Amino acid sequence: MKQVQQLTAIIEREGDGYVSLCPELDIASQGETIEGARQNLQEAVELFFETAAPSEIERRRHSEVFVTRLEVEVG
């Protein structure tokens, strides 16, 4: 039985496209649009879970990821 997991997707513009990252697994992808980058990342993560050995999944998985903003002085 398949289970659903909630993971983080960080997407940022890079040049003419977008780069997407799942920090829990250190998996990245890209796309021409935000939605394309998100879909490609989802596919990459699903393929990872389908093909990786359980030990590889455990080794790469970060159980706690926090996304926050920083306020820094510049100049």
C-alpha atoms as a PDB file:
ATOM      1  CA  MET A   1       0.000   0.000   0.000  1.00  0.00           C
ATOM      2  CA  LYS A   2       1.415   3.379  -1.000  1.00  0.00           C
ATOM      3  CA  GLN A   3       1.649   6.142   1.569  1.00  0.00           C
ATOM      4  CA  VAL A   4       1.640   9.880   0.992  1.00  0.00           C
ATOM      5  CA  GLN A   5       4.406  12.025   2.471  1.00  0.00           C
ATOM      6  CA  GLN A   6       4.612  15.794   2.722  1.00  0.00           C
ATOM      7  CA  LEU A   7       7.979  17.169   1.577  1.00  0.00           C
ATOM      8  CA  THR A   8       9.320  20.667   0.978  1.00  0.00           C
ATOM      9  CA  ALA A   9       9.837  22.166  -2.477  1.00  0.00           C
ATOM     10  CA  ILE A  10      11.943  25.316  -2.768  1.00  0.00           C
ATOM     11  CA  ILE A  11      11.738  26.922  -6.203  1.00  0.00           C
ATOM     12  CA  GLU A  12      13.781  29.866  -7.407  1.00  0.00           C
ATOM     13  CA  ARG A  13      14.318  31.610 -10.704  1.00  0.00           C
ATOM     14  CA  GLU A  14      17.603  30.896 -12.427  1.00  0.00           C
ATOM     15  CA  GLY A  15      18.202  32.576 -15.754  1.00  0.00           C
ATOM     16  CA  ASP A  16      15.265  31.887 -18.072  1.00  0.00           C
ATOM     17  CA  GLY A  17      13.885  29.019 -15.969  1.00  0.00           C
ATOM     18  CA  TYR A  18      13.382  27.744 -12.452  1.00  0.00           C
ATOM     19  CA  VAL A  19      15.331  25.401 -10.208  1.00  0.00           C
ATOM     20  CA  SER A  20      13.508  23.284  -7.625  1.00  0.00           C
ATOM     21  CA  LEU A  21      14.953  21.574  -4.549  1.00  0.00           C
ATOM     22  CA  CYS A  22      13.623  19.058  -2.048  1.00  0.00           C
ATOM     23  CA  PRO A  23      15.899  19.728   0.958  1.00  0.00           C
ATOM     24  CA  GLU A  24      14.719  16.669   2.895  1.00  0.00           C
ATOM     25  CA  LEU A  25      16.328  14.397   0.283  1.00  0.00           C
ATOM     26  CA  ASP A  26      18.820  16.717  -1.449  1.00  0.00           C
ATOM     27  CA  ILE A  27      17.087  16.165  -4.789  1.00  0.00           C
ATOM     28  CA  ALA A  28      16.911  18.953  -7.364  1.00  0.00           C
ATOM     29  CA  SER A  29      15.270  19.485 -10.728  1.00  0.00           C
ATOM     30  CA  GLN A  30      14.368  22.336 -13.049  1.00  0.00           C
ATOM     31  CA  GLY A  31      11.712  23.588 -15.417  1.00  0.00           C
ATOM     32  CA  GLU A  32      10.775  26.432 -17.712  1.00  0.00           C
ATOM     33  CA  THR A  33       7.951  27.536 -15.369  1.00  0.00           C
ATOM     34  CA  ILE A  34       7.341  27.338 -11.630  1.00  0.00           C
ATOM     35  CA  GLU A  35       4.757  24.609 -12.162  1.00  0.00           C
ATOM     36  CA  GLY A  36       7.079  22.745 -14.524  1.00  0.00           C
ATOM     37  CA  ALA A  37       9.900  22.852 -11.978  1.00  0.00           C
ATOM     38  CA  ARG A  38       7.514  21.612  -9.260  1.00  0.00           C
ATOM     39  CA  GLN A  39       6.206  18.763 -11.406  1.00  0.00           C
ATOM     40  CA  ASN A  40       9.719  17.725 -12.461  1.00  0.00           C
ATOM     41  CA  LEU A  41      10.848  17.716  -8.833  1.00  0.00           C
ATOM     42  CA  GLN A  42       7.842  15.626  -7.821  1.00  0.00           C
ATOM     43  CA  GLU A  43       8.672  13.116 -10.559  1.00  0.00           C
ATOM     44  CA  ALA A  44      12.345  13.000  -9.501  1.00  0.00           C
ATOM     45  CA  VAL A  45      11.396  12.387  -5.852  1.00  0.00           C
ATOM     46  CA  GLU A  46       8.881   9.673  -6.778  1.00  0.00           C
ATOM     47  CA  LEU A  47      11.479   7.943  -8.970  1.00  0.00           C
ATOM     48  CA  PHE A  48      13.990   8.138  -6.125  1.00  0.00           C
ATOM     49  CA  PHE A  49      11.554   6.406  -3.752  1.00  0.00           C
ATOM     50  CA  GLU A  50      10.776   3.751  -6.390  1.00  0.00           C
ATOM     51  CA  THR A  51      14.402   2.893  -7.134  1.00  0.00           C
ATOM     52  CA  ALA A  52      16.535   3.670  -4.080  1.00  0.00           C
ATOM     53  CA  ALA A  53      17.422   1.061  -1.509  1.00  0.00           C
ATOM     54  CA  PRO A  54      15.915   1.643   1.955  1.00  0.00           C
ATOM     55  CA  SER A  55      19.408   2.328   3.316  1.00  0.00           C
ATOM     56  CA  GLU A  56      19.931   5.066   0.694  1.00  0.00           C
ATOM     57  CA  ILE A  57      16.596   6.665   1.579  1.00  0.00           C
ATOM     58  CA  GLU A  58      17.507   6.669   5.272  1.00  0.00           C
ATOM     59  CA  ARG A  59      20.991   8.028   4.610  1.00  0.00           C
ATOM     60  CA  ARG A  60      19.739  10.953   2.513  1.00  0.00           C
ATOM     61  CA  ARG A  61      16.617  11.821   4.477  1.00  0.00           C
ATOM     62  CA  HIS A  62      16.738  14.893   6.709  1.00  0.00           C
ATOM     63  CA  SER A  63      13.924  14.541   9.227  1.00  0.00           C
ATOM     64  CA  GLU A  64      13.773  18.217  10.184  1.00  0.00           C
ATOM     65  CA  VAL A  65      13.907  21.024   7.653  1.00  0.00           C
ATOM     66  CA  PHE A  66      13.042  24.570   8.625  1.00  0.00           C
ATOM     67  CA  VAL A  67      12.372  27.302   6.081  1.00  0.00           C
ATOM     68  CA  THR A  68      12.609  30.800   7.502  1.00  0.00           C
ATOM     69  CA  ARG A  69      13.570  34.344   6.540  1.00  0.00           C
ATOM     70  CA  LEU A  70      16.679  36.214   7.647  1.00  0.00           C
ATOM     71  CA  GLU A  71      17.106  39.917   8.166  1.00  0.00           C
ATOM     72  CA  VAL A  72      20.707  41.009   7.622  1.00  0.00           C
ATOM     73  CA  GLU A  73      22.558  44.272   7.369  1.00  0.00           C
ATOM     74  CA  VAL A  74      24.177  44.828   3.974  1.00  0.00           C
ATOM     75  CA  GLY A  75      26.845  47.377   3.075  1.00  0.00           C
END
